[in-house]
Protein backbone atom coordinates (compact mmCIF):
# COMPACT_ATOMS: atom_id res chain seq x y z
CA UNK A 1 0.00 0.00 0.00
CA UNK A 2 2.72 2.47 0.96
CA UNK A 3 4.64 1.59 -2.19
CA UNK A 4 1.58 2.20 -4.39
CA UNK A 5 0.92 5.52 -2.71
CA UNK A 6 4.54 6.58 -3.19
CA UNK A 7 4.44 5.68 -6.88
CA UNK A 8 1.18 7.56 -7.42
CA UNK A 9 2.53 10.60 -5.59
CA UNK A 10 5.71 10.58 -7.67
CA UNK A 11 3.80 10.11 -10.94
CA UNK A 12 1.42 12.93 -10.06
CA UNK A 13 4.32 15.23 -9.21
CA UNK A 14 6.07 14.50 -12.49
CA UNK A 15 2.92 15.14 -14.48
CA UNK A 16 2.27 18.48 -12.76
CA UNK A 17 5.89 19.68 -12.85
CA UNK A 18 6.25 20.30 -16.59
CA UNK A 19 2.83 21.94 -16.78
CA UNK A 20 3.85 24.54 -14.22
CA UNK A 21 7.10 25.36 -16.02
CA UNK A 22 5.45 25.47 -19.45
CA UNK A 23 5.97 28.61 -21.53
CA UNK A 24 3.12 27.79 -23.90
CA UNK A 25 0.12 30.06 -24.36
CA UNK A 26 -2.80 27.74 -23.70
CA UNK A 27 -5.71 29.62 -25.25
CA UNK A 28 -8.52 28.16 -27.39
CA UNK A 29 -8.30 29.41 -30.98
CA UNK A 30 -11.80 30.87 -30.68
CA UNK A 31 -10.40 33.38 -28.14
CA UNK A 32 -7.46 34.54 -30.25
CA UNK A 33 -7.13 38.05 -31.60
CA UNK A 34 -6.64 38.13 -35.39
CA UNK A 35 -3.17 38.34 -36.93
CA UNK A 36 -4.05 41.85 -38.14
CA UNK A 37 -4.37 42.97 -34.50
CA UNK A 38 -0.84 41.68 -33.85
CA UNK A 39 0.42 43.63 -36.86
CA UNK A 40 -1.36 46.73 -35.53
CA UNK A 41 0.29 46.27 -32.12
CA UNK A 42 3.68 46.08 -33.83
CA UNK A 43 2.98 49.23 -35.85
CA UNK A 44 1.92 51.11 -32.70
CA UNK A 45 5.24 50.17 -31.09
CA UNK A 46 7.21 51.34 -34.13
CA UNK A 47 8.35 47.83 -35.01
CA UNK A 48 9.03 46.69 -38.56
CA UNK A 49 7.61 43.18 -39.00
CA UNK A 50 9.40 40.55 -41.05
CA UNK A 51 7.22 37.69 -39.90
CA UNK A 52 4.35 36.86 -37.56
CA UNK A 53 4.09 33.19 -36.67
CA UNK A 54 2.68 30.94 -33.98
CA UNK A 55 5.16 29.35 -31.59
CA UNK A 56 4.10 27.26 -28.57
CA UNK A 57 0.59 28.63 -28.91
CA UNK A 58 1.74 32.26 -28.72
CA UNK A 59 2.14 34.82 -31.46
CA UNK A 60 5.77 35.54 -32.27
CA UNK A 61 6.83 38.67 -34.12
CA UNK A 62 10.22 38.75 -35.81
CA UNK A 63 11.46 42.06 -37.06
CA UNK A 64 13.20 45.19 -35.84
CA UNK A 65 12.43 47.94 -33.36
CA UNK A 66 12.38 51.68 -34.06
CA UNK A 67 16.15 51.83 -33.42
CA UNK A 68 16.77 49.13 -36.03
CA UNK A 69 17.69 46.37 -33.56
CA UNK A 70 16.55 42.88 -34.50
CA UNK A 71 13.80 41.67 -32.15
CA UNK A 72 11.71 38.61 -31.45
CA UNK A 73 8.55 39.42 -29.51
CA UNK A 74 6.26 36.87 -27.85
CA UNK A 75 2.63 38.04 -27.65
CA UNK A 76 -0.29 36.47 -25.79
CA UNK A 77 -2.84 35.51 -28.47
CA UNK A 78 -5.99 36.53 -26.56
CA UNK A 79 -4.89 39.67 -24.71
CA UNK A 80 -2.07 40.82 -27.03
CA UNK A 81 0.05 41.36 -23.92
CA UNK A 82 3.75 41.45 -24.74
CA UNK A 83 5.13 38.48 -22.84
CA UNK A 84 8.77 38.81 -23.82
CA UNK A 85 11.06 40.79 -26.09
CA UNK A 86 14.36 39.27 -27.12
CA UNK A 87 16.95 41.36 -28.89
CA UNK A 88 19.43 39.78 -31.30
CA UNK A 89 22.24 40.74 -28.92
CA UNK A 90 20.67 38.59 -26.15
CA UNK A 91 19.11 41.37 -24.09
CA UNK A 92 15.42 41.16 -23.36
CA UNK A 93 12.56 42.25 -21.19
CA UNK A 94 11.57 39.90 -18.35
CA UNK A 95 8.79 37.43 -19.07
CA UNK A 96 5.33 38.47 -17.95
CA UNK A 97 6.13 42.12 -17.32
CA UNK A 98 4.84 43.39 -20.63
CA UNK A 99 7.66 45.91 -20.29
CA UNK A 100 9.24 47.41 -23.34
CA UNK A 101 12.90 47.69 -22.51
CA UNK A 102 15.26 50.22 -24.00
CA UNK A 103 18.86 49.48 -23.01
CA UNK A 104 20.49 52.36 -24.87
């Protein structure tokens, strides 16, 4: 009995662990904003868009910012919140802050 309980506890912990550390945007497609809204968000920020794609269930914008730096921006598909901005040089805004970071 104790052995069965220990195995079930371990299995349950392993199943829950990856879900908590998951960076995916888990949103039903019916709740997504259209791609045009993502393009509008980018235009409002002064970004030049090379590509908008879906990665791990989130929108991902590849392009450049107003200063010409290459960026990769992760956007929540339902709220259009900026989740993360990665610059080609490795700098980026912290996940979940929605902050637009200017390191100049």
